[in-house]
Amino acid sequence: MARMTLEAFAARVAEALGPRLVSLVLYGSAAREQGAGSGELTMNTLLIVDRVDADLFARLVTPVGDWVSANHPPPLVFAEQEWRDSADAFAIEYEDIRDAHRILAGRNPWTGISVRREHVRRQLEHELMGKLVHLRQAYVAHWGRPKRLAEVVRGTRAGFLTMLRAVLRLAGRTPPADSAALVRDAAALIGFASDGFTEPAAYLAAVTRTAEYVNRMERNPS
């Protein structure tokens, strides 16, 4: 079976849902790096519909099943009202998706939606401290196992890069699309060493300094 293309997936979802489809969006690295070997990037999608019910899942069984069989992640699914009401709860994600997305089907999901700076900072502080606590837990359990620690870094790096993009936006900067440039810019702003970013000790230090930087933002708002 030929590998399912993004265009084919969008067409099949649109056909399956008809007027129930509000928007289907590609977001993340594949949208951010269009035309730069995107076939090797993760195809993250967001599906917004009129409502989420058993009929929706039945309609999506075949197109989403084939998409997942082609080694793509299933879409995030929101009812339209949930999407409009959740900008405060998922402020970081909303800004990150808005920053790098491509509408595949349906209408623009951002019309009438705004994300407040204080919601981004509050979520960022909470998630950074949670990441830091769990990293320290993993480090204390696996410090004598370098390969295991390297796996921990790889498994959490994408989420940390999302947080670094959020920090740069809060500071009034434009996050670079390239990951290496993103780390360099964030390191210069926050004050951690960008060299050896994937080395476990340096990575933990970067997360620690970033959490401290965001915490100071509350005391010294711009």
N, C-alpha and C. Protein backbone atom coordinates (compact mmCIF):
# COMPACT_ATOMS: atom_id res chain seq x y z
N MET A 1 0.84 -1.20 0.00
CA MET A 1 0.00 0.00 0.00
C MET A 1 0.87 1.25 0.00
N ALA A 2 0.55 2.21 -0.88
CA ALA A 2 1.31 3.45 -0.93
C ALA A 2 1.10 4.25 0.35
N ARG A 3 2.13 4.95 0.75
CA ARG A 3 2.05 5.75 1.96
C ARG A 3 1.05 6.88 1.77
N MET A 4 0.12 7.04 2.71
CA MET A 4 -0.93 8.04 2.58
C MET A 4 -0.33 9.44 2.66
N THR A 5 -0.69 10.28 1.70
CA THR A 5 -0.19 11.65 1.69
C THR A 5 -1.07 12.53 2.57
N LEU A 6 -0.53 13.66 2.96
CA LEU A 6 -1.27 14.62 3.75
C LEU A 6 -2.51 15.11 2.99
N GLU A 7 -2.35 15.36 1.72
CA GLU A 7 -3.46 15.85 0.90
C GLU A 7 -4.57 14.81 0.83
N ALA A 8 -4.20 13.53 0.68
CA ALA A 8 -5.20 12.47 0.62
C ALA A 8 -5.94 12.35 1.95
N PHE A 9 -5.20 12.46 3.05
CA PHE A 9 -5.83 12.39 4.37
C PHE A 9 -6.83 13.52 4.55
N ALA A 10 -6.44 14.73 4.17
CA ALA A 10 -7.34 15.87 4.32
C ALA A 10 -8.59 15.68 3.48
N ALA A 11 -8.43 15.21 2.24
CA ALA A 11 -9.59 15.02 1.37
C ALA A 11 -10.53 13.96 1.92
N ARG A 12 -9.97 12.89 2.48
CA ARG A 12 -10.81 11.81 2.99
C ARG A 12 -11.52 12.21 4.28
N VAL A 13 -10.85 12.97 5.12
CA VAL A 13 -11.51 13.46 6.34
C VAL A 13 -12.64 14.43 5.98
N ALA A 14 -12.38 15.32 5.04
CA ALA A 14 -13.41 16.28 4.62
C ALA A 14 -14.61 15.55 4.02
N GLU A 15 -14.34 14.52 3.22
CA GLU A 15 -15.44 13.76 2.63
C GLU A 15 -16.22 13.01 3.70
N ALA A 16 -15.51 12.43 4.68
CA ALA A 16 -16.18 11.65 5.71
C ALA A 16 -17.04 12.51 6.64
N LEU A 17 -16.60 13.72 6.91
CA LEU A 17 -17.31 14.56 7.88
C LEU A 17 -18.30 15.52 7.25
N GLY A 18 -18.06 15.91 6.00
CA GLY A 18 -18.98 16.85 5.37
C GLY A 18 -19.11 18.13 6.17
N PRO A 19 -20.36 18.60 6.40
CA PRO A 19 -20.55 19.87 7.11
C PRO A 19 -20.16 19.82 8.59
N ARG A 20 -19.87 18.64 9.12
CA ARG A 20 -19.45 18.54 10.52
C ARG A 20 -18.01 19.03 10.72
N LEU A 21 -17.24 19.10 9.64
CA LEU A 21 -15.86 19.58 9.73
C LEU A 21 -15.81 21.09 9.88
N VAL A 22 -15.12 21.57 10.89
CA VAL A 22 -14.88 23.01 11.06
C VAL A 22 -13.52 23.36 10.49
N SER A 23 -12.47 22.62 10.90
CA SER A 23 -11.13 22.91 10.41
C SER A 23 -10.23 21.69 10.63
N LEU A 24 -9.36 21.44 9.67
CA LEU A 24 -8.30 20.44 9.80
C LEU A 24 -6.99 21.16 9.55
N VAL A 25 -6.09 21.08 10.50
CA VAL A 25 -4.87 21.90 10.48
C VAL A 25 -3.64 21.01 10.67
N LEU A 26 -2.62 21.24 9.86
CA LEU A 26 -1.29 20.68 10.10
C LEU A 26 -0.52 21.67 10.95
N TYR A 27 0.18 21.18 12.00
CA TYR A 27 0.94 22.10 12.83
C TYR A 27 2.25 21.46 13.26
N GLY A 28 3.11 22.27 13.84
CA GLY A 28 4.38 21.77 14.35
C GLY A 28 5.49 21.77 13.31
N SER A 29 6.43 20.83 13.46
CA SER A 29 7.64 20.85 12.64
C SER A 29 7.34 20.70 11.16
N ALA A 30 6.35 19.89 10.80
CA ALA A 30 6.04 19.70 9.38
C ALA A 30 5.51 20.96 8.74
N ALA A 31 4.76 21.77 9.49
CA ALA A 31 4.27 23.04 8.98
C ALA A 31 5.36 24.10 9.04
N ARG A 32 6.19 24.04 10.07
CA ARG A 32 7.25 25.03 10.26
C ARG A 32 8.34 24.88 9.22
N GLU A 33 8.59 23.66 8.75
CA GLU A 33 9.70 23.40 7.84
C GLU A 33 9.21 22.86 6.51
N GLN A 34 8.12 23.43 6.00
CA GLN A 34 7.56 23.00 4.72
C GLN A 34 8.62 23.06 3.63
N GLY A 35 8.67 22.00 2.84
CA GLY A 35 9.61 21.98 1.71
C GLY A 35 11.02 21.62 2.09
N ALA A 36 11.26 21.35 3.38
CA ALA A 36 12.62 21.01 3.81
C ALA A 36 12.64 19.58 4.33
N GLY A 37 12.38 18.63 3.45
CA GLY A 37 12.36 17.24 3.86
C GLY A 37 11.22 16.93 4.80
N SER A 38 10.06 17.55 4.58
CA SER A 38 8.95 17.40 5.51
C SER A 38 8.43 15.98 5.60
N GLY A 39 8.77 15.13 4.61
CA GLY A 39 8.33 13.75 4.67
C GLY A 39 8.89 13.01 5.88
N GLU A 40 10.00 13.48 6.43
CA GLU A 40 10.61 12.84 7.59
C GLU A 40 10.16 13.48 8.90
N LEU A 41 9.35 14.53 8.82
CA LEU A 41 8.90 15.22 10.01
C LEU A 41 7.58 14.63 10.51
N THR A 42 7.30 14.82 11.78
CA THR A 42 6.07 14.32 12.36
C THR A 42 4.88 15.13 11.85
N MET A 43 3.88 14.45 11.31
CA MET A 43 2.70 15.10 10.76
C MET A 43 1.63 15.26 11.84
N ASN A 44 1.78 16.29 12.65
CA ASN A 44 0.80 16.56 13.70
C ASN A 44 -0.39 17.30 13.11
N THR A 45 -1.59 16.85 13.42
CA THR A 45 -2.79 17.49 12.90
C THR A 45 -3.78 17.79 14.03
N LEU A 46 -4.56 18.82 13.78
CA LEU A 46 -5.61 19.27 14.71
C LEU A 46 -6.92 19.24 13.95
N LEU A 47 -7.92 18.56 14.51
CA LEU A 47 -9.23 18.47 13.88
C LEU A 47 -10.26 19.14 14.78
N ILE A 48 -10.94 20.14 14.25
CA ILE A 48 -12.00 20.84 14.98
C ILE A 48 -13.32 20.54 14.27
N VAL A 49 -14.30 20.10 15.06
CA VAL A 49 -15.58 19.65 14.50
C VAL A 49 -16.73 20.33 15.24
N ASP A 50 -17.95 20.12 14.75
CA ASP A 50 -19.10 20.75 15.39
C ASP A 50 -19.34 20.21 16.80
N ARG A 51 -19.14 18.91 16.98
CA ARG A 51 -19.28 18.28 18.29
C ARG A 51 -18.57 16.92 18.24
N VAL A 52 -18.24 16.39 19.40
CA VAL A 52 -17.56 15.10 19.47
C VAL A 52 -18.54 14.07 20.00
N ASP A 53 -18.84 13.06 19.19
CA ASP A 53 -19.80 12.04 19.58
C ASP A 53 -19.47 10.73 18.88
N ALA A 54 -20.29 9.70 19.12
CA ALA A 54 -20.03 8.38 18.54
C ALA A 54 -20.09 8.42 17.01
N ASP A 55 -21.00 9.22 16.46
CA ASP A 55 -21.10 9.33 15.01
C ASP A 55 -19.80 9.85 14.40
N LEU A 56 -19.17 10.81 15.08
CA LEU A 56 -17.90 11.36 14.59
C LEU A 56 -16.85 10.26 14.50
N PHE A 57 -16.71 9.48 15.56
CA PHE A 57 -15.70 8.42 15.57
C PHE A 57 -15.99 7.38 14.48
N ALA A 58 -17.26 7.06 14.27
CA ALA A 58 -17.62 6.09 13.24
C ALA A 58 -17.24 6.60 11.85
N ARG A 59 -17.45 7.89 11.60
CA ARG A 59 -17.11 8.46 10.30
C ARG A 59 -15.60 8.46 10.05
N LEU A 60 -14.82 8.57 11.14
CA LEU A 60 -13.38 8.72 11.01
C LEU A 60 -12.60 7.41 11.07
N VAL A 61 -13.31 6.30 11.32
CA VAL A 61 -12.62 5.02 11.49
C VAL A 61 -11.67 4.73 10.33
N THR A 62 -12.16 4.81 9.10
CA THR A 62 -11.34 4.42 7.95
C THR A 62 -10.24 5.43 7.63
N PRO A 63 -10.56 6.73 7.46
CA PRO A 63 -9.47 7.66 7.11
C PRO A 63 -8.40 7.78 8.19
N VAL A 64 -8.81 7.85 9.45
CA VAL A 64 -7.82 7.98 10.52
C VAL A 64 -7.08 6.66 10.71
N GLY A 65 -7.78 5.54 10.56
CA GLY A 65 -7.12 4.23 10.67
C GLY A 65 -6.02 4.08 9.65
N ASP A 66 -6.30 4.49 8.40
CA ASP A 66 -5.28 4.41 7.34
C ASP A 66 -4.13 5.39 7.60
N TRP A 67 -4.46 6.55 8.13
CA TRP A 67 -3.44 7.55 8.46
C TRP A 67 -2.49 7.03 9.54
N VAL A 68 -3.04 6.44 10.58
CA VAL A 68 -2.24 5.88 11.67
C VAL A 68 -1.43 4.68 11.17
N SER A 69 -2.02 3.89 10.28
CA SER A 69 -1.30 2.75 9.71
C SER A 69 -0.09 3.19 8.89
N ALA A 70 -0.14 4.44 8.40
CA ALA A 70 0.98 5.00 7.65
C ALA A 70 2.00 5.65 8.58
N ASN A 71 1.89 5.35 9.89
CA ASN A 71 2.84 5.81 10.91
C ASN A 71 2.75 7.30 11.21
N HIS A 72 1.54 7.86 11.08
CA HIS A 72 1.31 9.23 11.49
C HIS A 72 0.48 9.24 12.77
N PRO A 73 0.68 10.24 13.64
CA PRO A 73 -0.13 10.30 14.86
C PRO A 73 -1.57 10.68 14.54
N PRO A 74 -2.54 10.17 15.29
CA PRO A 74 -3.93 10.58 15.08
C PRO A 74 -4.10 12.06 15.42
N PRO A 75 -5.11 12.70 14.85
CA PRO A 75 -5.27 14.13 15.11
C PRO A 75 -5.74 14.41 16.53
N LEU A 76 -5.38 15.60 17.04
CA LEU A 76 -6.03 16.12 18.21
C LEU A 76 -7.45 16.51 17.81
N VAL A 77 -8.43 16.25 18.66
CA VAL A 77 -9.81 16.51 18.31
C VAL A 77 -10.46 17.45 19.32
N PHE A 78 -11.03 18.55 18.82
CA PHE A 78 -11.76 19.50 19.64
C PHE A 78 -13.13 19.75 19.02
N ALA A 79 -14.15 19.86 19.87
CA ALA A 79 -15.40 20.46 19.42
C ALA A 79 -15.16 21.96 19.26
N GLU A 80 -15.87 22.58 18.36
CA GLU A 80 -15.62 24.00 18.07
C GLU A 80 -15.72 24.87 19.33
N GLN A 81 -16.74 24.63 20.17
CA GLN A 81 -16.88 25.45 21.37
C GLN A 81 -15.75 25.18 22.35
N GLU A 82 -15.31 23.93 22.45
CA GLU A 82 -14.16 23.61 23.30
C GLU A 82 -12.92 24.37 22.84
N TRP A 83 -12.72 24.39 21.53
CA TRP A 83 -11.55 25.09 20.98
C TRP A 83 -11.59 26.57 21.36
N ARG A 84 -12.75 27.18 21.27
CA ARG A 84 -12.88 28.61 21.57
C ARG A 84 -12.73 28.89 23.07
N ASP A 85 -13.11 27.92 23.89
CA ASP A 85 -13.11 28.15 25.34
C ASP A 85 -11.81 27.76 26.02
N SER A 86 -10.86 27.15 25.29
CA SER A 86 -9.68 26.56 25.94
C SER A 86 -8.39 27.33 25.71
N ALA A 87 -8.47 28.54 25.17
CA ALA A 87 -7.25 29.29 24.90
C ALA A 87 -6.50 29.62 26.19
N ASP A 88 -7.21 29.75 27.31
CA ASP A 88 -6.53 30.03 28.57
C ASP A 88 -5.88 28.78 29.15
N ALA A 89 -6.48 27.62 28.93
CA ALA A 89 -5.95 26.37 29.48
C ALA A 89 -4.75 25.85 28.70
N PHE A 90 -4.74 26.07 27.39
CA PHE A 90 -3.66 25.58 26.53
C PHE A 90 -2.98 26.74 25.81
N ALA A 91 -2.66 27.77 26.56
CA ALA A 91 -2.13 29.00 25.96
C ALA A 91 -0.85 28.76 25.17
N ILE A 92 0.07 27.96 25.71
CA ILE A 92 1.34 27.70 25.02
C ILE A 92 1.07 26.97 23.71
N GLU A 93 0.25 25.92 23.77
CA GLU A 93 -0.04 25.14 22.58
C GLU A 93 -0.75 25.97 21.51
N TYR A 94 -1.70 26.81 21.94
CA TYR A 94 -2.43 27.63 20.97
C TYR A 94 -1.47 28.57 20.23
N GLU A 95 -0.58 29.22 20.99
CA GLU A 95 0.36 30.14 20.36
C GLU A 95 1.34 29.39 19.45
N ASP A 96 1.76 28.20 19.88
CA ASP A 96 2.71 27.44 19.08
C ASP A 96 2.07 26.94 17.79
N ILE A 97 0.82 26.50 17.87
CA ILE A 97 0.11 26.05 16.67
C ILE A 97 -0.15 27.24 15.74
N ARG A 98 -0.56 28.37 16.32
CA ARG A 98 -0.82 29.54 15.49
C ARG A 98 0.46 29.99 14.75
N ASP A 99 1.61 29.85 15.43
CA ASP A 99 2.88 30.30 14.87
C ASP A 99 3.32 29.46 13.68
N ALA A 100 2.96 28.17 13.67
CA ALA A 100 3.39 27.27 12.58
C ALA A 100 2.25 26.32 12.25
N HIS A 101 1.41 26.72 11.31
CA HIS A 101 0.30 25.85 10.92
C HIS A 101 -0.04 26.04 9.45
N ARG A 102 -0.77 25.08 8.95
CA ARG A 102 -1.27 25.13 7.58
C ARG A 102 -2.68 24.56 7.58
N ILE A 103 -3.65 25.32 7.10
CA ILE A 103 -5.04 24.87 7.07
C ILE A 103 -5.21 23.91 5.89
N LEU A 104 -5.59 22.68 6.20
CA LEU A 104 -5.75 21.65 5.18
C LEU A 104 -7.17 21.58 4.64
N ALA A 105 -8.14 21.87 5.50
CA ALA A 105 -9.55 21.83 5.10
C ALA A 105 -10.34 22.67 6.10
N GLY A 106 -11.46 23.21 5.62
CA GLY A 106 -12.30 24.01 6.50
C GLY A 106 -11.83 25.45 6.59
N ARG A 107 -12.26 26.12 7.66
CA ARG A 107 -11.99 27.55 7.79
C ARG A 107 -10.92 27.84 8.82
N ASN A 108 -10.50 29.10 8.86
CA ASN A 108 -9.47 29.56 9.79
C ASN A 108 -9.96 29.39 11.23
N PRO A 109 -9.29 28.57 12.06
CA PRO A 109 -9.76 28.34 13.42
C PRO A 109 -9.41 29.45 14.40
N TRP A 110 -8.64 30.46 13.95
CA TRP A 110 -8.15 31.50 14.85
C TRP A 110 -9.04 32.73 14.91
N THR A 111 -10.02 32.82 14.02
CA THR A 111 -10.88 34.00 13.99
C THR A 111 -11.58 34.20 15.33
N GLY A 112 -11.37 35.38 15.92
CA GLY A 112 -12.01 35.70 17.20
C GLY A 112 -11.34 35.12 18.43
N ILE A 113 -10.19 34.45 18.27
CA ILE A 113 -9.50 33.83 19.40
C ILE A 113 -8.23 34.62 19.72
N SER A 114 -8.07 34.99 20.97
CA SER A 114 -6.84 35.66 21.41
C SER A 114 -6.29 34.93 22.63
N VAL A 115 -4.97 34.95 22.77
CA VAL A 115 -4.30 34.31 23.90
C VAL A 115 -3.65 35.39 24.75
N ARG A 116 -3.95 35.40 26.03
CA ARG A 116 -3.44 36.44 26.92
C ARG A 116 -2.05 36.06 27.43
N ARG A 117 -1.19 37.07 27.50
CA ARG A 117 0.20 36.87 27.90
C ARG A 117 0.31 36.20 29.27
N GLU A 118 -0.53 36.64 30.22
CA GLU A 118 -0.43 36.09 31.58
C GLU A 118 -0.80 34.62 31.62
N HIS A 119 -1.67 34.18 30.71
CA HIS A 119 -2.03 32.76 30.65
C HIS A 119 -0.84 31.94 30.13
N VAL A 120 -0.12 32.49 29.15
CA VAL A 120 1.07 31.80 28.65
C VAL A 120 2.11 31.68 29.75
N ARG A 121 2.38 32.79 30.45
CA ARG A 121 3.41 32.76 31.47
C ARG A 121 3.04 31.82 32.61
N ARG A 122 1.79 31.82 33.01
CA ARG A 122 1.37 30.96 34.12
C ARG A 122 1.48 29.49 33.73
N GLN A 123 1.02 29.12 32.55
CA GLN A 123 1.14 27.73 32.10
C GLN A 123 2.60 27.34 31.95
N LEU A 124 3.40 28.25 31.43
CA LEU A 124 4.82 27.98 31.21
C LEU A 124 5.52 27.71 32.54
N GLU A 125 5.25 28.54 33.54
CA GLU A 125 5.86 28.33 34.85
C GLU A 125 5.47 26.96 35.41
N HIS A 126 4.20 26.63 35.31
CA HIS A 126 3.71 25.35 35.84
C HIS A 126 4.36 24.17 35.12
N GLU A 127 4.40 24.22 33.79
CA GLU A 127 4.92 23.08 33.04
C GLU A 127 6.44 22.95 33.17
N LEU A 128 7.15 24.07 33.24
CA LEU A 128 8.59 24.00 33.42
C LEU A 128 8.96 23.38 34.77
N MET A 129 8.25 23.80 35.82
CA MET A 129 8.55 23.22 37.13
C MET A 129 8.19 21.74 37.17
N GLY A 130 7.08 21.36 36.51
CA GLY A 130 6.73 19.95 36.44
C GLY A 130 7.78 19.15 35.69
N LYS A 131 8.26 19.69 34.56
CA LYS A 131 9.31 19.02 33.80
C LYS A 131 10.59 18.89 34.62
N LEU A 132 10.94 19.96 35.34
CA LEU A 132 12.16 19.94 36.13
C LEU A 132 12.10 18.89 37.23
N VAL A 133 10.97 18.81 37.92
CA VAL A 133 10.81 17.83 38.99
C VAL A 133 10.92 16.40 38.44
N HIS A 134 10.27 16.14 37.30
CA HIS A 134 10.31 14.79 36.73
C HIS A 134 11.69 14.47 36.15
N LEU A 135 12.37 15.46 35.61
CA LEU A 135 13.74 15.22 35.13
C LEU A 135 14.66 14.84 36.29
N ARG A 136 14.56 15.57 37.39
CA ARG A 136 15.41 15.26 38.54
C ARG A 136 15.10 13.86 39.07
N GLN A 137 13.84 13.48 39.03
CA GLN A 137 13.46 12.13 39.46
C GLN A 137 14.12 11.08 38.56
N ALA A 138 14.10 11.34 37.23
CA ALA A 138 14.73 10.40 36.30
C ALA A 138 16.25 10.38 36.48
N TYR A 139 16.83 11.56 36.71
CA TYR A 139 18.28 11.64 36.86
C TYR A 139 18.75 10.91 38.11
N VAL A 140 18.03 11.07 39.19
CA VAL A 140 18.46 10.42 40.43
C VAL A 140 18.32 8.90 40.31
N ALA A 141 17.39 8.45 39.47
CA ALA A 141 17.20 7.01 39.29
C ALA A 141 18.21 6.42 38.30
N HIS A 142 18.67 7.23 37.32
CA HIS A 142 19.47 6.68 36.23
C HIS A 142 20.82 7.35 36.04
N TRP A 143 21.30 8.08 37.03
CA TRP A 143 22.55 8.83 36.86
C TRP A 143 23.72 7.95 36.43
N GLY A 144 23.74 6.71 36.89
CA GLY A 144 24.83 5.80 36.52
C GLY A 144 24.59 5.08 35.22
N ARG A 145 23.54 5.47 34.47
CA ARG A 145 23.20 4.80 33.20
C ARG A 145 23.11 5.86 32.10
N PRO A 146 24.23 6.25 31.52
CA PRO A 146 24.26 7.33 30.52
C PRO A 146 23.30 7.12 29.35
N LYS A 147 23.18 5.89 28.87
CA LYS A 147 22.28 5.65 27.74
C LYS A 147 20.83 5.92 28.12
N ARG A 148 20.46 5.54 29.33
CA ARG A 148 19.08 5.78 29.78
C ARG A 148 18.83 7.28 29.92
N LEU A 149 19.81 8.01 30.46
CA LEU A 149 19.65 9.46 30.59
C LEU A 149 19.54 10.12 29.21
N ALA A 150 20.31 9.63 28.26
CA ALA A 150 20.23 10.19 26.91
C ALA A 150 18.84 9.97 26.32
N GLU A 151 18.22 8.83 26.63
CA GLU A 151 16.85 8.57 26.18
C GLU A 151 15.87 9.54 26.83
N VAL A 152 16.09 9.86 28.10
CA VAL A 152 15.23 10.81 28.80
C VAL A 152 15.31 12.18 28.12
N VAL A 153 16.52 12.60 27.78
CA VAL A 153 16.70 13.89 27.11
C VAL A 153 15.99 13.90 25.77
N ARG A 154 16.21 12.83 24.98
CA ARG A 154 15.57 12.77 23.65
C ARG A 154 14.05 12.78 23.77
N GLY A 155 13.53 12.09 24.78
CA GLY A 155 12.09 11.98 24.94
C GLY A 155 11.42 13.25 25.40
N THR A 156 12.17 14.16 26.00
CA THR A 156 11.56 15.40 26.53
C THR A 156 11.99 16.64 25.75
N ARG A 157 12.91 16.49 24.81
CA ARG A 157 13.50 17.65 24.13
C ARG A 157 12.47 18.43 23.32
N ALA A 158 11.58 17.73 22.59
CA ALA A 158 10.60 18.44 21.75
C ALA A 158 9.70 19.33 22.60
N GLY A 159 9.27 18.82 23.75
CA GLY A 159 8.44 19.63 24.64
C GLY A 159 9.18 20.83 25.19
N PHE A 160 10.47 20.66 25.47
CA PHE A 160 11.26 21.78 25.98
C PHE A 160 11.47 22.84 24.90
N LEU A 161 11.65 22.42 23.66
CA LEU A 161 11.78 23.39 22.58
C LEU A 161 10.51 24.22 22.42
N THR A 162 9.35 23.58 22.61
CA THR A 162 8.09 24.33 22.59
C THR A 162 8.08 25.39 23.67
N MET A 163 8.58 25.03 24.85
CA MET A 163 8.64 25.99 25.95
C MET A 163 9.61 27.13 25.64
N LEU A 164 10.73 26.81 25.01
CA LEU A 164 11.68 27.86 24.65
C LEU A 164 11.08 28.83 23.65
N ARG A 165 10.30 28.32 22.71
CA ARG A 165 9.62 29.22 21.78
C ARG A 165 8.66 30.15 22.53
N ALA A 166 7.96 29.59 23.52
CA ALA A 166 7.03 30.40 24.31
C ALA A 166 7.78 31.48 25.10
N VAL A 167 8.95 31.15 25.65
CA VAL A 167 9.74 32.13 26.39
C VAL A 167 10.16 33.28 25.47
N LEU A 168 10.64 32.95 24.28
CA LEU A 168 11.06 33.98 23.34
C LEU A 168 9.89 34.90 22.97
N ARG A 169 8.72 34.32 22.76
CA ARG A 169 7.55 35.16 22.44
C ARG A 169 7.22 36.08 23.61
N LEU A 170 7.27 35.55 24.82
CA LEU A 170 6.99 36.38 26.00
C LEU A 170 7.98 37.54 26.11
N ALA A 171 9.20 37.30 25.66
CA ALA A 171 10.24 38.33 25.72
C ALA A 171 10.19 39.27 24.51
N GLY A 172 9.19 39.09 23.65
CA GLY A 172 9.06 39.95 22.49
C GLY A 172 9.94 39.56 21.33
N ARG A 173 10.47 38.35 21.34
CA ARG A 173 11.33 37.87 20.25
C ARG A 173 10.54 36.95 19.32
N THR A 174 11.02 36.79 18.10
CA THR A 174 10.44 35.85 17.15
C THR A 174 11.25 34.56 17.18
N PRO A 175 10.64 33.44 17.56
CA PRO A 175 11.40 32.19 17.63
C PRO A 175 11.83 31.71 16.25
N PRO A 176 13.09 31.36 16.07
CA PRO A 176 13.54 30.82 14.78
C PRO A 176 12.88 29.46 14.50
N ALA A 177 12.66 29.15 13.23
CA ALA A 177 12.09 27.86 12.88
C ALA A 177 13.10 26.73 13.11
N ASP A 178 14.37 27.02 12.86
CA ASP A 178 15.43 26.01 13.02
C ASP A 178 15.70 25.75 14.50
N SER A 179 15.74 24.48 14.88
CA SER A 179 15.90 24.12 16.29
C SER A 179 17.23 24.60 16.87
N ALA A 180 18.32 24.47 16.11
CA ALA A 180 19.63 24.90 16.61
C ALA A 180 19.65 26.40 16.84
N ALA A 181 19.06 27.16 15.92
CA ALA A 181 19.00 28.61 16.09
C ALA A 181 18.10 28.98 17.27
N LEU A 182 17.02 28.23 17.45
CA LEU A 182 16.13 28.46 18.59
C LEU A 182 16.89 28.31 19.90
N VAL A 183 17.66 27.23 20.02
CA VAL A 183 18.41 26.99 21.26
C VAL A 183 19.44 28.09 21.47
N ARG A 184 20.12 28.52 20.41
CA ARG A 184 21.13 29.58 20.56
C ARG A 184 20.48 30.88 21.04
N ASP A 185 19.35 31.25 20.44
CA ASP A 185 18.69 32.50 20.83
C ASP A 185 18.17 32.42 22.26
N ALA A 186 17.58 31.27 22.61
CA ALA A 186 17.05 31.12 23.97
C ALA A 186 18.18 31.10 25.00
N ALA A 187 19.29 30.43 24.65
CA ALA A 187 20.43 30.37 25.56
C ALA A 187 20.99 31.76 25.84
N ALA A 188 21.09 32.59 24.78
CA ALA A 188 21.61 33.95 24.94
C ALA A 188 20.68 34.79 25.81
N LEU A 189 19.38 34.59 25.66
CA LEU A 189 18.41 35.37 26.44
C LEU A 189 18.36 34.91 27.89
N ILE A 190 18.29 33.61 28.10
CA ILE A 190 18.04 33.05 29.43
C ILE A 190 19.33 32.91 30.24
N GLY A 191 20.42 32.55 29.54
CA GLY A 191 21.68 32.42 30.23
C GLY A 191 22.09 31.00 30.54
N PHE A 192 21.88 30.10 29.56
CA PHE A 192 22.41 28.74 29.72
C PHE A 192 23.32 28.43 28.53
N ALA A 193 24.14 27.41 28.67
CA ALA A 193 25.09 27.05 27.62
C ALA A 193 24.39 26.26 26.53
N SER A 194 24.45 26.75 25.29
CA SER A 194 23.80 26.03 24.19
C SER A 194 24.66 24.90 23.68
N ASP A 195 25.99 24.96 23.91
CA ASP A 195 26.88 23.88 23.47
C ASP A 195 26.59 22.62 24.29
N GLY A 196 26.56 21.50 23.61
CA GLY A 196 26.32 20.25 24.32
C GLY A 196 24.92 20.17 24.90
N PHE A 197 23.93 20.76 24.20
CA PHE A 197 22.56 20.83 24.72
C PHE A 197 21.96 19.45 24.96
N THR A 198 22.40 18.45 24.19
CA THR A 198 21.84 17.11 24.37
C THR A 198 22.58 16.30 25.43
N GLU A 199 23.63 16.86 26.02
CA GLU A 199 24.34 16.17 27.12
C GLU A 199 23.48 16.32 28.38
N PRO A 200 23.23 15.22 29.10
CA PRO A 200 22.25 15.26 30.20
C PRO A 200 22.46 16.36 31.23
N ALA A 201 23.69 16.56 31.71
CA ALA A 201 23.91 17.58 32.75
C ALA A 201 23.62 18.98 32.20
N ALA A 202 24.07 19.26 30.96
CA ALA A 202 23.82 20.56 30.36
C ALA A 202 22.34 20.78 30.11
N TYR A 203 21.65 19.72 29.73
CA TYR A 203 20.21 19.81 29.46
C TYR A 203 19.45 20.14 30.74
N LEU A 204 19.79 19.46 31.83
CA LEU A 204 19.14 19.73 33.11
C LEU A 204 19.40 21.16 33.55
N ALA A 205 20.63 21.63 33.35
CA ALA A 205 20.96 23.01 33.71
C ALA A 205 20.15 24.00 32.89
N ALA A 206 19.92 23.69 31.60
CA ALA A 206 19.14 24.57 30.74
C ALA A 206 17.69 24.65 31.20
N VAL A 207 17.11 23.51 31.56
CA VAL A 207 15.73 23.51 32.05
C VAL A 207 15.63 24.28 33.36
N THR A 208 16.62 24.09 34.24
CA THR A 208 16.64 24.80 35.52
C THR A 208 16.70 26.31 35.33
N ARG A 209 17.61 26.77 34.48
CA ARG A 209 17.75 28.20 34.25
C ARG A 209 16.51 28.79 33.59
N THR A 210 15.88 28.02 32.70
CA THR A 210 14.68 28.50 32.04
C THR A 210 13.53 28.64 33.04
N ALA A 211 13.38 27.68 33.95
CA ALA A 211 12.35 27.78 34.98
C ALA A 211 12.58 29.00 35.87
N GLU A 212 13.83 29.25 36.21
CA GLU A 212 14.16 30.42 37.04
C GLU A 212 13.86 31.71 36.28
N TYR A 213 14.15 31.74 34.99
CA TYR A 213 13.92 32.94 34.18
C TYR A 213 12.43 33.26 34.11
N VAL A 214 11.61 32.25 33.88
CA VAL A 214 10.16 32.46 33.78
C VAL A 214 9.60 32.88 35.14
N ASN A 215 10.11 32.30 36.21
CA ASN A 215 9.66 32.69 37.54
C ASN A 215 9.97 34.17 37.82
N ARG A 216 11.12 34.64 37.33
CA ARG A 216 11.48 36.05 37.52
C ARG A 216 10.57 36.98 36.70
N MET A 217 10.04 36.46 35.60
CA MET A 217 9.12 37.25 34.77
C MET A 217 7.90 37.72 35.56
N GLU A 218 7.45 36.88 36.50
CA GLU A 218 6.28 37.25 37.31
C GLU A 218 6.62 38.42 38.22
N ARG A 219 7.84 38.42 38.75
CA ARG A 219 8.23 39.49 39.67
C ARG A 219 8.63 40.77 38.92
N ASN A 220 9.09 40.58 37.66
CA ASN A 220 9.54 41.72 36.87
C ASN A 220 8.86 41.71 35.49
N PRO A 221 7.54 41.89 35.43
CA PRO A 221 6.86 41.84 34.15
C PRO A 221 7.34 42.95 33.23
N SER A 222 7.36 42.63 31.92
CA SER A 222 7.82 43.64 30.96
C SER A 222 6.69 44.63 30.66
